[in-house]
Amino acid sequence: MTPRWICLAAVVLSGITSVSAQAATIQVTINKLVYSPAEVTAKVGDTVEWINKDIVAHTATATNGDWNVAIAPKQTARLVVKKSGNIDYFCKYHPNMKGIVVVTP
């Protein structure tokens, strides 16, 4: 085998054996004024998706001010998490609705 073919074979084999990390989508359902599950775990780059099954609008508003996601009735809204930490959130319209996103690096 020529050095060129050896190099090409090494590149091909390394592509076959490498596993790429893909971002995940974590779903939270809103039903009867409750986030379910109330606590989810995600990694930086993952997407949190809120599915609003209620007939009223909600938000997912971070208590630290990092994000505010509006979720229309019977709609879905998404957020890509950008930094690690425990992020408490609530609904601006229904402050008794509370959740937490635990984000790891």
Protein backbone atom coordinates (compact mmCIF):
# COMPACT_ATOMS: atom_id res chain seq x y z
CA MET A 1 0.00 0.00 0.00
CA THR A 2 1.24 3.47 -0.84
CA PRO A 3 1.48 6.12 1.88
CA ARG A 4 -1.39 7.99 0.23
CA TRP A 5 -3.71 4.97 0.51
CA ILE A 6 -2.67 4.38 4.10
CA CYS A 7 -3.54 7.99 4.93
CA LEU A 8 -6.89 7.71 3.15
CA ALA A 9 -7.70 4.46 4.94
CA ALA A 10 -6.84 6.02 8.31
CA VAL A 11 -9.15 8.97 7.63
CA VAL A 12 -12.01 6.71 6.57
CA LEU A 13 -11.59 4.38 9.54
CA SER A 14 -11.40 7.26 12.02
CA GLY A 15 -14.70 8.58 10.61
CA ILE A 16 -16.30 5.19 11.07
CA THR A 17 -15.18 4.76 14.66
CA SER A 18 -15.87 8.30 15.86
CA VAL A 19 -19.20 9.03 17.48
CA SER A 20 -20.51 12.55 17.22
CA ALA A 21 -22.45 14.02 20.12
CA GLN A 22 -25.83 15.34 19.09
CA ALA A 23 -27.95 17.82 20.95
CA ALA A 24 -31.05 16.42 22.59
CA THR A 25 -34.57 17.80 22.84
CA ILE A 26 -36.07 17.71 26.31
CA GLN A 27 -39.86 18.00 26.41
CA VAL A 28 -41.94 19.62 29.13
CA THR A 29 -45.72 19.36 28.88
CA ILE A 30 -47.96 22.08 30.25
CA ASN A 31 -51.35 20.73 31.23
CA LYS A 32 -53.84 22.14 33.75
CA LEU A 33 -51.40 24.88 34.83
CA VAL A 34 -48.56 22.44 35.62
CA TYR A 35 -45.12 21.93 34.02
CA SER A 36 -44.48 18.20 33.73
CA PRO A 37 -41.87 17.16 34.56
CA ALA A 38 -41.19 20.11 36.83
CA GLU A 39 -37.45 19.41 36.76
CA VAL A 40 -35.49 18.43 33.67
CA THR A 41 -31.79 17.92 33.01
CA ALA A 42 -30.11 19.17 29.84
CA LYS A 43 -26.64 19.84 28.47
CA VAL A 44 -25.43 23.11 27.01
CA GLY A 45 -26.67 23.09 23.39
CA ASP A 46 -29.74 20.95 24.09
CA THR A 47 -33.22 22.23 23.34
CA VAL A 48 -35.99 22.48 25.91
CA GLU A 49 -39.40 22.22 24.27
CA TRP A 50 -42.55 23.27 26.11
CA ILE A 51 -45.80 21.75 24.80
CA ASN A 52 -48.78 23.80 25.95
CA LYS A 53 -51.91 21.63 26.11
CA ASP A 54 -53.88 24.31 27.95
CA ILE A 55 -56.33 26.74 26.34
CA VAL A 56 -54.49 29.72 27.85
CA ALA A 57 -51.07 31.21 27.14
CA HIS A 58 -48.08 30.57 29.40
CA THR A 59 -44.46 31.58 29.65
CA ALA A 60 -41.30 29.86 30.78
CA THR A 61 -39.46 32.79 32.37
CA ALA A 62 -36.07 32.29 34.00
CA THR A 63 -35.95 33.83 37.47
CA ASN A 64 -32.39 35.03 36.76
CA GLY A 65 -33.58 36.95 33.67
CA ASP A 66 -31.68 34.77 31.16
CA TRP A 67 -34.73 33.94 29.04
CA ASN A 68 -38.45 34.39 28.61
CA VAL A 69 -40.27 31.96 26.34
CA ALA A 70 -43.87 32.73 25.33
CA ILE A 71 -46.01 29.65 24.75
CA ALA A 72 -49.34 30.23 23.02
CA PRO A 73 -52.36 28.03 23.78
CA LYS A 74 -52.16 24.60 22.15
CA GLN A 75 -48.70 25.46 20.75
CA THR A 76 -45.07 24.47 21.28
CA ALA A 77 -42.11 26.74 21.98
CA ARG A 78 -38.39 25.95 22.17
CA LEU A 79 -35.22 27.27 23.75
CA VAL A 80 -31.63 26.19 23.17
CA VAL A 81 -29.80 26.32 26.51
CA LYS A 82 -26.60 28.34 26.31
CA LYS A 83 -24.93 28.01 29.72
CA SER A 84 -24.72 25.55 32.57
CA GLY A 85 -26.34 25.92 35.96
CA ASN A 86 -29.63 25.37 37.73
CA ILE A 87 -32.19 27.67 36.17
CA ASP A 88 -35.47 28.14 38.02
CA TYR A 89 -38.36 29.34 35.89
CA PHE A 90 -42.02 30.24 36.25
CA CYS A 91 -45.03 31.41 34.25
CA LYS A 92 -45.48 35.20 34.28
CA TYR A 93 -49.25 34.78 33.96
CA HIS A 94 -49.54 32.03 36.58
CA PRO A 95 -46.69 32.53 39.09
CA ASN A 96 -47.61 29.37 41.00
CA MET A 97 -46.34 27.39 37.97
CA LYS A 98 -42.66 26.63 38.62
CA GLY A 99 -39.98 24.50 37.08
CA ILE A 100 -36.23 24.03 36.94
CA VAL A 101 -33.80 23.22 34.15
CA VAL A 102 -30.55 21.70 35.40
CA VAL A 103 -27.95 22.38 32.70
CA THR A 104 -24.60 20.61 32.67
CA PRO A 105 -21.64 21.54 30.46
